[in-house]
Amino acid sequence: MPVRVNKPVIVLVRPQLGENIGKAARAMLNFGLAELRLVAPRDGWPNPSAGPAAAGADIVLEQAQIFDNLADAVADCAHVYATTVRKRGVTKPVLTPEQAAQEITAETGRHAVLFGPERSGLETDDVAVARAIVTVPVNPEFASLNLAQAVILVAYEWSKRAISAPDANLAQPTVEELLPPAPQEELDGMIAQLEQMLEPRGYFLPESRAAATHRTLRTMLTKPGWNHLEVRTMRGVLSSLAKPPRKG
């Protein structure tokens, strides 16, 4: 029986703008998270501004749960993390999003990650509810992540740990298959063609430097690891250069 991966609950505490709730939902669903809890949203719920900002992450908004207070929102969670750039007078373990993701995927029980209001972040009493603080190194002169950015940092780090789980609903975008390196014979033919074109133009003069110039040219052309299509393309370029210029 496949092992289920722990998916953290994203808890937005007193969020202010519907647009930001929608953007947070979009960030969540991009990385396979769909359980959103809202604590006392300032403008009530549902919020008409959230849908357009979610850009298709409607399922997250439709299933969002609303709570009057933080204690009720995390009552069923064994592990609670507070995201903040400051400790706010509370002594707790401080983790990076990567370390938090490692705990979330490794430890049993429900996990919740708290995000504070856009203007001021989590209050000290909010942070006190958590077992650990999650933060990232930021510019001390400008520590100003927006809500969706903060959510995406946590969601992305979780996705890196969970991608191999069968129920994570994550997939690496298709990467174009690279062509194998060209056979040495093709590469030698391209270099010989280039040298043949350069010879009558005096490129390898003076004679005393010719051997070194040949070696440098070969070294330069063999560094990229050309595949056969690239070699053929370059040969076509050289053939075109060898032809007399077109008239008109």
Protein backbone atom coordinates (compact mmCIF):
# COMPACT_ATOMS: atom_id res chain seq x y z
CA MET A 1 0.00 0.00 0.00
CA PRO A 2 1.56 3.34 -1.02
CA VAL A 3 2.59 5.67 1.79
CA ARG A 4 0.64 8.90 1.88
CA VAL A 5 2.65 12.10 2.09
CA ASN A 6 1.86 14.70 4.74
CA LYS A 7 0.39 17.82 3.20
CA PRO A 8 0.53 20.91 5.39
CA VAL A 9 -2.53 23.02 6.00
CA ILE A 10 -2.00 26.64 4.98
CA VAL A 11 -3.53 29.01 7.54
CA LEU A 12 -3.93 32.69 6.68
CA VAL A 13 -4.42 34.63 9.90
CA ARG A 14 -6.59 37.73 9.53
CA PRO A 15 -5.86 38.19 5.81
CA GLN A 16 -6.81 41.61 4.54
CA LEU A 17 -7.30 41.60 0.75
CA GLY A 18 -9.26 39.10 -1.28
CA GLU A 19 -6.70 39.40 -4.08
CA ASN A 20 -3.95 38.21 -1.76
CA ILE A 21 -6.01 35.23 -0.61
CA GLY A 22 -6.53 34.30 -4.25
CA LYS A 23 -2.83 34.65 -5.05
CA ALA A 24 -1.95 32.50 -2.04
CA ALA A 25 -4.38 29.83 -3.28
CA ARG A 26 -2.75 29.94 -6.69
CA ALA A 27 0.69 29.49 -5.11
CA MET A 28 -0.57 26.53 -3.08
CA LEU A 29 -2.15 24.63 -5.93
CA ASN A 30 0.89 25.07 -8.16
CA PHE A 31 2.78 22.88 -5.71
CA GLY A 32 0.06 20.38 -4.87
CA LEU A 33 -1.44 21.92 -1.73
CA ALA A 34 -5.17 22.55 -1.51
CA GLU A 35 -6.21 22.82 2.15
CA LEU A 36 -6.63 26.47 3.05
CA ARG A 37 -7.93 27.83 6.34
CA LEU A 38 -8.80 31.47 6.91
CA VAL A 39 -8.86 33.04 10.35
CA ALA A 40 -11.14 36.08 10.62
CA PRO A 41 -10.61 37.50 7.10
CA ARG A 42 -10.96 41.26 7.33
CA ASP A 43 -13.45 41.63 4.47
CA GLY A 44 -15.43 38.47 5.21
CA TRP A 45 -15.79 35.37 3.05
CA PRO A 46 -16.40 34.61 0.24
CA ASN A 47 -14.57 37.56 -1.26
CA PRO A 48 -15.31 38.43 -4.93
CA SER A 49 -11.74 39.62 -5.48
CA ALA A 50 -10.20 36.27 -4.59
CA GLY A 51 -11.44 34.26 -7.58
CA PRO A 52 -9.82 36.27 -10.40
CA ALA A 53 -6.53 36.47 -8.47
CA ALA A 54 -6.52 32.69 -7.95
CA ALA A 55 -6.20 32.26 -11.75
CA GLY A 56 -7.98 28.89 -11.81
CA ALA A 57 -7.19 27.63 -8.30
CA ASP A 58 -10.92 27.72 -7.56
CA ILE A 59 -10.96 24.38 -5.76
CA VAL A 60 -8.72 25.82 -3.03
CA LEU A 61 -11.06 28.76 -2.48
CA GLU A 62 -14.22 26.65 -2.63
CA GLN A 63 -12.94 24.26 0.00
CA ALA A 64 -11.42 26.93 2.24
CA GLN A 65 -12.52 26.71 5.89
CA ILE A 66 -13.29 29.81 7.93
CA PHE A 67 -12.51 30.18 11.65
CA ASP A 68 -13.14 32.96 14.13
CA ASN A 69 -9.86 32.41 15.96
CA LEU A 70 -6.47 30.77 15.48
CA ALA A 71 -6.91 28.23 18.27
CA ASP A 72 -9.89 26.66 16.50
CA ALA A 73 -8.11 26.75 13.13
CA VAL A 74 -5.23 24.59 14.35
CA ALA A 75 -7.04 22.53 16.99
CA ASP A 76 -6.56 19.27 15.01
CA CYS A 77 -2.90 19.94 14.15
CA ALA A 78 -0.05 18.33 16.09
CA HIS A 79 2.61 20.54 14.51
CA VAL A 80 2.21 24.27 13.94
CA TYR A 81 4.77 26.55 12.25
CA ALA A 82 4.68 30.34 12.26
CA THR A 83 6.21 32.22 9.35
CA THR A 84 7.81 35.50 10.38
CA VAL A 85 10.95 37.53 9.73
CA ARG A 86 11.19 38.37 13.43
CA LYS A 87 11.03 36.25 16.58
CA ARG A 88 8.69 38.79 18.17
CA GLY A 89 9.87 38.10 21.72
CA VAL A 90 9.11 34.38 21.61
CA THR A 91 11.89 31.82 22.09
CA LYS A 92 11.29 28.93 19.69
CA PRO A 93 13.29 26.82 17.24
CA VAL A 94 13.91 28.71 14.01
CA LEU A 95 13.75 26.70 10.79
CA THR A 96 14.21 27.42 7.11
CA PRO A 97 11.35 26.43 4.78
CA GLU A 98 13.51 23.48 3.69
CA GLN A 99 13.95 22.26 7.26
CA ALA A 100 10.25 22.70 7.97
CA ALA A 101 9.39 20.72 4.82
CA GLN A 102 11.65 17.92 5.98
CA GLU A 103 9.80 17.74 9.30
CA ILE A 104 6.40 17.94 7.66
CA THR A 105 7.08 15.02 5.33
CA ALA A 106 8.80 12.93 8.02
CA GLU A 107 6.64 13.33 11.13
CA THR A 108 3.16 11.94 11.68
CA GLY A 109 0.18 14.10 12.55
CA ARG A 110 -1.34 17.13 10.91
CA HIS A 111 0.90 20.10 10.16
CA ALA A 112 -0.20 23.72 9.81
CA VAL A 113 1.82 26.67 8.56
CA LEU A 114 0.66 30.10 9.70
CA PHE A 115 0.92 33.30 7.66
CA GLY A 116 0.03 36.67 9.11
CA PRO A 117 -1.82 39.72 7.79
CA GLU A 118 -0.25 41.51 4.86
CA ARG A 119 0.45 44.75 6.68
CA SER A 120 2.02 43.55 9.93
CA GLY A 121 2.48 39.79 9.86
CA LEU A 122 1.74 37.48 12.77
CA GLU A 123 1.31 38.96 16.23
CA THR A 124 3.32 37.67 19.19
CA ASP A 125 0.31 35.73 20.48
CA ASP A 126 -0.06 34.06 17.07
CA VAL A 127 3.58 33.01 17.05
CA ALA A 128 3.23 31.68 20.60
CA VAL A 129 0.77 29.06 19.33
CA ALA A 130 3.41 27.55 17.04
CA ARG A 131 6.03 24.97 17.92
CA ALA A 132 8.62 26.54 15.61
CA ILE A 133 9.30 29.65 13.55
CA VAL A 134 9.90 29.43 9.82
CA THR A 135 11.90 32.21 8.23
CA VAL A 136 14.32 32.89 5.38
CA PRO A 137 17.42 35.09 5.12
CA VAL A 138 16.33 38.43 3.73
CA ASN A 139 17.80 41.85 3.11
CA PRO A 140 17.70 43.54 6.55
CA GLU A 141 17.10 46.84 4.81
CA PHE A 142 14.02 45.48 3.00
CA ALA A 143 12.42 42.46 4.67
CA SER A 144 9.12 42.68 2.80
CA LEU A 145 7.81 39.46 1.28
CA ASN A 146 4.20 39.61 0.18
CA LEU A 147 1.73 36.93 1.27
CA ALA A 148 1.81 34.85 -1.91
CA GLN A 149 5.62 34.95 -2.00
CA ALA A 150 5.79 33.64 1.55
CA VAL A 151 3.32 30.85 0.78
CA ILE A 152 5.18 29.83 -2.37
CA LEU A 153 8.49 29.51 -0.51
CA VAL A 154 6.98 27.02 1.92
CA ALA A 155 4.93 25.19 -0.71
CA TYR A 156 7.89 24.83 -3.07
CA GLU A 157 10.19 23.41 -0.41
CA TRP A 158 7.47 20.94 0.58
CA SER A 159 7.04 19.91 -3.08
CA LYS A 160 10.76 19.12 -3.40
CA ARG A 161 10.46 16.62 -0.56
CA ALA A 162 7.11 15.20 -1.68
CA ILE A 163 7.48 14.91 -5.46
CA SER A 164 8.13 11.17 -5.39
CA ALA A 165 5.04 10.40 -3.30
CA PRO A 166 2.19 8.82 -5.32
CA ASP A 167 -0.50 11.11 -3.90
CA ALA A 168 1.44 14.38 -4.08
CA ASN A 169 -0.02 15.26 -7.51
CA LEU A 170 3.27 16.73 -8.66
CA ALA A 171 5.15 16.25 -11.90
CA GLN A 172 8.33 17.70 -13.30
CA PRO A 173 7.58 19.57 -16.56
CA THR A 174 8.75 17.67 -19.61
CA VAL A 175 12.35 18.38 -20.42
CA GLU A 176 13.39 18.15 -24.06
CA GLU A 177 15.63 15.16 -24.58
CA LEU A 178 19.16 16.20 -25.40
CA LEU A 179 20.82 14.78 -28.49
CA PRO A 180 23.99 12.74 -27.88
CA PRO A 181 27.39 14.27 -28.68
CA ALA A 182 28.42 14.06 -32.34
CA PRO A 183 30.85 11.30 -33.34
CA GLN A 184 34.45 12.45 -33.44
CA GLU A 185 34.51 11.95 -37.20
CA GLU A 186 31.79 14.56 -37.70
CA LEU A 187 33.48 17.02 -35.38
CA ASP A 188 36.84 16.54 -37.11
CA GLY A 189 35.16 17.14 -40.47
CA MET A 190 33.70 20.43 -39.28
CA ILE A 191 37.04 21.63 -37.90
CA ALA A 192 38.86 20.59 -41.09
CA GLN A 193 36.31 22.48 -43.17
CA LEU A 194 36.79 25.62 -41.12
CA GLU A 195 40.58 25.35 -41.29
CA GLN A 196 40.40 24.86 -45.06
CA MET A 197 38.43 28.07 -45.37
CA LEU A 198 40.76 30.00 -43.08
CA GLU A 199 44.04 28.82 -44.63
CA PRO A 200 43.98 30.94 -47.84
CA ARG A 201 43.01 33.99 -45.79
CA GLY A 202 46.24 33.85 -43.79
CA TYR A 203 44.56 33.06 -40.50
CA PHE A 204 47.31 30.63 -39.44
CA LEU A 205 50.19 33.04 -40.09
CA PRO A 206 52.86 33.53 -38.95
CA GLU A 207 54.03 29.99 -39.57
CA SER A 208 55.77 29.84 -36.20
CA ARG A 209 52.35 30.17 -34.48
CA ALA A 210 50.37 27.93 -36.83
CA ALA A 211 50.45 24.78 -34.67
CA ALA A 212 49.39 26.68 -31.56
CA THR A 213 46.60 28.45 -33.45
CA HIS A 214 45.30 25.11 -34.77
CA ARG A 215 45.26 23.69 -31.24
CA THR A 216 43.49 26.73 -29.82
CA LEU A 217 40.84 26.57 -32.54
CA ARG A 218 40.27 22.86 -31.94
CA THR A 219 40.08 23.34 -28.17
CA MET A 220 37.51 26.10 -28.58
CA LEU A 221 35.34 24.08 -30.95
CA THR A 222 35.44 20.88 -28.88
CA LYS A 223 34.49 22.50 -25.56
CA PRO A 224 30.70 22.70 -26.08
CA GLY A 225 30.23 18.98 -26.81
CA TRP A 226 28.43 19.58 -30.12
CA ASN A 227 25.71 17.11 -31.07
CA HIS A 228 25.42 15.96 -34.67
CA LEU A 229 22.64 18.45 -35.47
CA GLU A 230 24.77 21.35 -34.25
CA VAL A 231 27.74 20.11 -36.26
CA ARG A 232 25.59 19.86 -39.40
CA THR A 233 24.27 23.36 -38.78
CA MET A 234 27.76 24.78 -38.42
CA ARG A 235 28.89 22.94 -41.56
CA GLY A 236 26.00 24.56 -43.38
CA VAL A 237 27.08 27.96 -42.09
CA LEU A 238 30.63 27.37 -43.28
CA SER A 239 29.42 26.15 -46.69
CA SER A 240 27.35 29.31 -47.08
CA LEU A 241 30.35 31.46 -46.14
CA ALA A 242 32.45 29.68 -48.76
CA LYS A 243 30.07 30.61 -51.57
CA PRO A 244 30.44 33.84 -53.54
CA PRO A 245 28.14 36.60 -52.25
CA ARG A 246 24.73 36.73 -53.92
CA LYS A 247 24.18 39.55 -56.34
CA GLY A 248 21.27 41.87 -55.81
